């Protein structure tokens, strides 16, 4: 009986020892393991920082190309359909949209354009319409201003500055005679863009 009791006590002790080792191994990380994890996270953060700025510049370039494409399309559409199209820049809400006027209708007035080119475009949070200059109207950095595309094949000379959160600026200049939109990096004037 004593033997059985001793073997039972030995088995219980051995089971507790195994459980104690398992508990000790599950308690947490060692200081070395934590140091390695912190080093890897710092390395990844260091590598990712330059890409955040690159992402912002990519968004700025993308929005510049998108606006230039819209303006080129409106130039062609106005002369093809013999209508006046108005590209409206709303700096207070950071968006732009299109209105259409049929000069040959009974009651000509600008109405929202419901075609695919007329969809409102809201700027992403990382890019803003900093200011818009339209010939004979001046420069605006708040409120709304519009440039018009005419059926005779010309557009109001327009200069748009888009900026990102990092302070990078893209300049878009609408050529009044050809309707082409020049996109230049930096804060440029209309004359500077047209000379390039």
Protein backbone atom coordinates (compact mmCIF):
# COMPACT_ATOMS: atom_id res chain seq x y z
CA UNK A 1 0.00 0.00 0.00
CA UNK A 2 2.81 2.31 0.83
CA UNK A 3 4.34 1.60 -2.53
CA UNK A 4 1.15 2.44 -4.33
CA UNK A 5 0.87 5.65 -2.36
CA UNK A 6 4.47 6.61 -3.15
CA UNK A 7 3.98 5.90 -6.84
CA UNK A 8 0.77 7.95 -6.86
CA UNK A 9 2.54 10.86 -5.16
CA UNK A 10 5.43 10.54 -7.61
CA UNK A 11 3.05 10.60 -10.58
CA UNK A 12 1.26 13.65 -9.19
CA UNK A 13 4.57 15.45 -8.60
CA UNK A 14 5.77 14.65 -12.08
CA UNK A 15 2.50 15.89 -13.61
CA UNK A 16 2.78 19.18 -11.70
CA UNK A 17 6.38 19.59 -12.80
CA UNK A 18 5.38 19.16 -16.44
CA UNK A 19 2.47 21.60 -16.03
CA UNK A 20 4.80 24.08 -14.31
CA UNK A 21 7.27 23.94 -17.21
CA UNK A 22 4.45 24.38 -19.71
CA UNK A 23 3.14 27.38 -17.73
CA UNK A 24 6.61 28.91 -17.59
CA UNK A 25 7.00 28.58 -21.36
CA UNK A 26 3.58 30.21 -21.99
CA UNK A 27 4.07 33.17 -19.64
CA UNK A 28 5.28 35.65 -22.25
CA UNK A 29 8.09 36.84 -24.47
CA UNK A 30 11.69 37.14 -23.45
CA UNK A 31 13.44 40.49 -23.58
CA UNK A 32 15.38 39.35 -26.65
CA UNK A 33 12.19 38.40 -28.50
CA UNK A 34 10.62 41.79 -27.73
CA UNK A 35 13.75 43.61 -28.89
CA UNK A 36 13.70 41.70 -32.20
CA UNK A 37 10.01 42.48 -32.79
CA UNK A 38 10.54 46.20 -32.04
CA UNK A 39 13.55 46.28 -34.38
CA UNK A 40 11.57 44.69 -37.23
CA UNK A 41 8.66 47.12 -36.72
CA UNK A 42 11.04 50.10 -36.71
CA UNK A 43 12.69 48.84 -39.89
CA UNK A 44 9.32 48.44 -41.65
CA UNK A 45 8.24 51.92 -40.51
CA UNK A 46 11.48 53.43 -41.81
CA UNK A 47 10.99 51.79 -45.18
CA UNK A 48 7.32 52.80 -45.43
CA UNK A 49 7.71 56.54 -44.70
CA UNK A 50 9.07 57.50 -48.16
CA UNK A 51 6.18 55.69 -49.84
CA UNK A 52 3.57 57.77 -48.00
CA UNK A 53 4.93 60.93 -49.64
CA UNK A 54 5.09 59.11 -52.97
CA UNK A 55 1.47 58.08 -52.56
CA UNK A 56 0.44 61.69 -52.02
CA UNK A 57 2.31 62.83 -55.13
CA UNK A 58 0.78 59.96 -57.10
CA UNK A 59 -2.69 61.07 -56.00
CA UNK A 60 -1.89 64.66 -57.04
CA UNK A 61 -0.69 63.54 -60.48
CA UNK A 62 -3.69 61.26 -60.89
CA UNK A 63 -6.17 64.03 -60.08
CA UNK A 64 -4.31 66.40 -62.44
CA UNK A 65 -4.59 63.90 -65.31
CA UNK A 66 -8.23 63.25 -64.48
CA UNK A 67 -9.09 66.97 -64.64
CA UNK A 68 -7.06 67.44 -67.83
CA UNK A 69 -8.86 64.51 -69.46
CA UNK A 70 -12.23 65.93 -68.46
CA UNK A 71 -11.36 69.36 -69.89
CA UNK A 72 -10.11 67.89 -73.19
CA UNK A 73 -13.26 65.82 -73.48
CA UNK A 74 -15.49 68.85 -72.79
CA UNK A 75 -13.65 70.85 -75.47
CA UNK A 76 -14.36 68.15 -78.06
CA UNK A 77 -17.92 67.57 -76.83
CA UNK A 78 -18.86 71.28 -77.01
CA UNK A 79 -17.74 71.62 -80.63
CA UNK A 80 -19.21 68.26 -81.69
CA UNK A 81 -22.65 68.78 -80.12
CA UNK A 82 -22.72 72.57 -80.73
CA UNK A 83 -23.45 73.37 -77.08
CA UNK A 84 -21.80 75.51 -74.42
CA UNK A 85 -20.36 73.46 -71.57
CA UNK A 86 -19.41 75.06 -68.28
CA UNK A 87 -16.83 73.45 -66.00
CA UNK A 88 -17.65 74.69 -62.50
CA UNK A 89 -14.97 74.63 -59.80
CA UNK A 90 -16.38 74.66 -56.27
CA UNK A 91 -13.42 75.41 -53.99
CA UNK A 92 -15.53 75.50 -50.82
CA UNK A 93 -16.54 71.86 -51.29
CA UNK A 94 -13.41 70.79 -53.23
CA UNK A 95 -15.21 69.46 -56.30
CA UNK A 96 -15.96 70.25 -59.91
CA UNK A 97 -18.98 69.56 -62.10
CA UNK A 98 -20.39 70.36 -65.53
CA UNK A 99 -23.42 72.36 -66.72
CA UNK A 100 -24.76 72.42 -70.30
CA UNK A 101 -26.45 75.15 -72.31
CA UNK A 102 -28.08 74.53 -75.67
CA UNK A 103 -27.93 77.92 -77.43
CA UNK A 104 -30.55 76.80 -79.97
CA UNK A 105 -33.24 75.80 -77.46
CA UNK A 106 -36.38 77.88 -76.92
CA UNK A 107 -35.31 78.90 -73.42
CA UNK A 108 -31.50 78.65 -73.28
CA UNK A 109 -30.17 78.19 -69.76
CA UNK A 110 -27.42 76.26 -68.04
CA UNK A 111 -28.66 72.96 -66.63
CA UNK A 112 -26.73 70.18 -64.91
CA UNK A 113 -25.10 67.86 -67.43
CA UNK A 114 -26.31 64.31 -66.86
CA UNK A 115 -23.94 62.68 -69.31
CA UNK A 116 -20.93 60.66 -68.17
CA UNK A 117 -18.74 63.75 -68.56
CA UNK A 118 -21.04 65.73 -66.31
CA UNK A 119 -20.61 63.64 -63.19
CA UNK A 120 -19.46 65.63 -60.20
CA UNK A 121 -15.88 64.86 -59.13
CA UNK A 122 -14.98 65.35 -55.46
CA UNK A 123 -11.31 65.76 -54.70
CA UNK A 124 -9.79 63.19 -52.34
CA UNK A 125 -8.83 64.43 -48.87
CA UNK A 126 -5.13 64.46 -49.79
CA UNK A 127 -5.56 66.81 -52.81
CA UNK A 128 -7.20 70.24 -53.03
CA UNK A 129 -8.10 72.77 -55.70
CA UNK A 130 -5.90 75.57 -54.39
CA UNK A 131 -6.98 78.27 -56.85
CA UNK A 132 -8.44 78.78 -60.31
CA UNK A 133 -7.74 81.68 -62.66
CA UNK A 134 -10.15 82.27 -65.56
CA UNK A 135 -9.47 84.94 -68.18
CA UNK A 136 -11.52 88.11 -67.66
CA UNK A 137 -12.78 86.83 -64.27
CA UNK A 138 -9.65 86.77 -62.11
CA UNK A 139 -8.21 84.33 -59.59
CA UNK A 140 -10.39 82.55 -57.05
CA UNK A 141 -9.36 80.42 -54.07
CA UNK A 142 -12.80 80.11 -52.48
CA UNK A 143 -16.36 80.07 -53.71
CA UNK A 144 -17.16 78.94 -57.24
CA UNK A 145 -15.80 79.90 -60.63
CA UNK A 146 -16.48 78.45 -64.08
CA UNK A 147 -14.73 78.26 -67.40
CA UNK A 148 -16.72 77.69 -70.56
CA UNK A 149 -16.19 75.50 -73.61
CA UNK A 150 -17.80 76.98 -76.71
CA UNK A 151 -19.28 75.29 -79.81
CA UNK A 152 -16.99 77.33 -82.06
CA UNK A 153 -13.97 75.39 -80.76
CA UNK A 154 -12.41 77.42 -78.00
CA UNK A 155 -12.34 77.56 -74.20
CA UNK A 156 -11.77 80.33 -71.67
CA UNK A 157 -8.04 80.56 -70.87
CA UNK A 158 -7.89 78.86 -67.48
CA UNK A 159 -5.16 78.10 -64.98
CA UNK A 160 -5.77 75.60 -62.15
CA UNK A 161 -3.45 74.85 -59.24
CA UNK A 162 -3.92 71.54 -57.43
CA UNK A 163 -1.97 70.96 -54.20
CA UNK A 164 -1.44 68.03 -51.86
CA UNK A 165 -0.93 67.94 -48.09
CA UNK A 166 2.85 67.97 -48.51
CA UNK A 167 2.74 71.30 -50.33
CA UNK A 168 3.47 69.91 -53.82
CA UNK A 169 1.64 71.81 -56.57
CA UNK A 170 0.58 70.84 -60.08
CA UNK A 171 -0.38 73.55 -62.56
CA UNK A 172 -2.94 72.91 -65.32
CA UNK A 173 -3.30 75.43 -68.15
CA UNK A 174 -6.20 75.21 -70.65
CA UNK A 175 -5.08 76.45 -74.07
CA UNK A 176 -7.98 78.59 -75.37
CA UNK A 177 -7.44 77.81 -79.05
CA UNK A 178 -6.58 74.11 -79.08
CA UNK A 179 -8.32 72.95 -75.90
CA UNK A 180 -5.21 71.05 -74.87
CA UNK A 181 -4.38 71.03 -71.19
CA UNK A 182 -0.74 71.36 -70.17
CA UNK A 183 0.20 69.79 -66.83
CA UNK A 184 3.34 71.14 -65.20
CA UNK A 185 4.83 70.34 -61.80
CA UNK A 186 5.20 73.37 -59.55
CA UNK A 187 3.46 76.69 -59.04
CA UNK A 188 3.50 78.25 -62.53
CA UNK A 189 1.76 81.14 -64.24
CA UNK A 190 -0.18 80.81 -67.48
CA UNK A 191 2.63 82.48 -69.47
CA UNK A 192 5.27 80.18 -67.96
CA UNK A 193 3.28 77.07 -68.85
CA UNK A 194 2.62 78.24 -72.41
CA UNK A 195 6.34 78.94 -72.99
CA UNK A 196 7.28 75.36 -72.14
